[in-house]
């Protein structure tokens, strides 16, 4: 993500809440402050409709981070 941002390509990472601490630790170790949106965990067993609903629920937050 940092490489894309350095090249002027806006980037937002999307991960589940299970990975909040890991994402924070990784960002700190890399010296970055990535734009991240966390969604409820887990996602692997969700139906297509449930995933679409999650995407719809978090779409505005993702776009807001992309255009800030």
Protein backbone atom coordinates (compact mmCIF):
# COMPACT_ATOMS: atom_id res chain seq x y z
CA UNK A 1 0.00 0.00 0.00
CA UNK A 2 2.77 2.42 0.90
CA UNK A 3 4.40 1.89 -2.49
CA UNK A 4 1.16 2.67 -4.30
CA UNK A 5 0.58 5.80 -2.22
CA UNK A 6 4.14 6.96 -2.93
CA UNK A 7 3.35 6.66 -6.64
CA UNK A 8 0.22 8.79 -6.24
CA UNK A 9 -2.28 5.93 -6.32
CA UNK A 10 -4.81 6.34 -3.50
CA UNK A 11 -5.17 3.10 -1.55
CA UNK A 12 -7.42 1.83 1.23
CA UNK A 13 -6.89 -1.49 2.92
CA UNK A 14 -9.93 -3.50 3.96
CA UNK A 15 -9.58 -6.19 6.60
CA UNK A 16 -11.68 -7.76 9.28
CA UNK A 17 -11.66 -6.64 12.89
CA UNK A 18 -9.64 -9.74 13.76
CA UNK A 19 -6.62 -8.05 12.16
CA UNK A 20 -6.73 -4.60 13.79
CA UNK A 21 -3.77 -5.21 16.12
CA UNK A 22 -1.77 -6.92 13.38
CA UNK A 23 -2.37 -4.06 10.97
CA UNK A 24 -1.35 -1.51 13.60
CA UNK A 25 1.84 -3.44 14.39
CA UNK A 26 2.72 -3.85 10.71
CA UNK A 27 2.14 -0.16 9.99
CA UNK A 28 4.29 0.83 12.95
CA UNK A 29 7.11 -1.49 11.92
CA UNK A 30 7.03 -0.10 8.38
CA UNK A 31 6.72 3.52 9.53
CA UNK A 32 3.49 4.04 7.60
CA UNK A 33 0.01 5.26 8.42
CA UNK A 34 -2.20 3.46 5.92
CA UNK A 35 -5.85 4.20 5.32
CA UNK A 36 -7.69 1.19 6.67
CA UNK A 37 -11.31 0.15 7.01
CA UNK A 38 -12.19 -2.78 9.23
CA UNK A 39 -15.26 -4.90 8.69
CA UNK A 40 -16.80 -7.53 10.97
CA UNK A 41 -15.02 -10.86 11.21
CA UNK A 42 -15.25 -13.47 9.72
CA UNK A 43 -16.00 -13.10 6.03
CA UNK A 44 -15.07 -16.49 4.57
CA UNK A 45 -18.38 -18.14 5.38
CA UNK A 46 -20.65 -15.28 4.35
CA UNK A 47 -23.04 -15.51 1.44
CA UNK A 48 -22.68 -13.28 -1.61
CA UNK A 49 -25.63 -11.20 -0.37
CA UNK A 50 -24.02 -10.75 3.04
CA UNK A 51 -20.76 -9.66 1.42
CA UNK A 52 -22.59 -7.17 -0.79
CA UNK A 53 -24.33 -5.77 2.29
CA UNK A 54 -20.96 -5.39 4.05
CA UNK A 55 -19.53 -3.65 1.00
CA UNK A 56 -22.52 -1.30 0.85
CA UNK A 57 -22.21 -0.53 4.57
CA UNK A 58 -18.52 0.40 4.29
CA UNK A 59 -18.47 1.94 0.81
CA UNK A 60 -18.75 5.56 1.98
CA UNK A 61 -15.92 5.16 4.49
CA UNK A 62 -13.67 3.66 1.82
CA UNK A 63 -14.43 6.37 -0.73
CA UNK A 64 -13.93 9.09 1.90
CA UNK A 65 -10.42 7.79 2.60
CA UNK A 66 -9.64 7.50 -1.12
CA UNK A 67 -10.49 11.11 -1.90
CA UNK A 68 -9.20 12.87 1.22
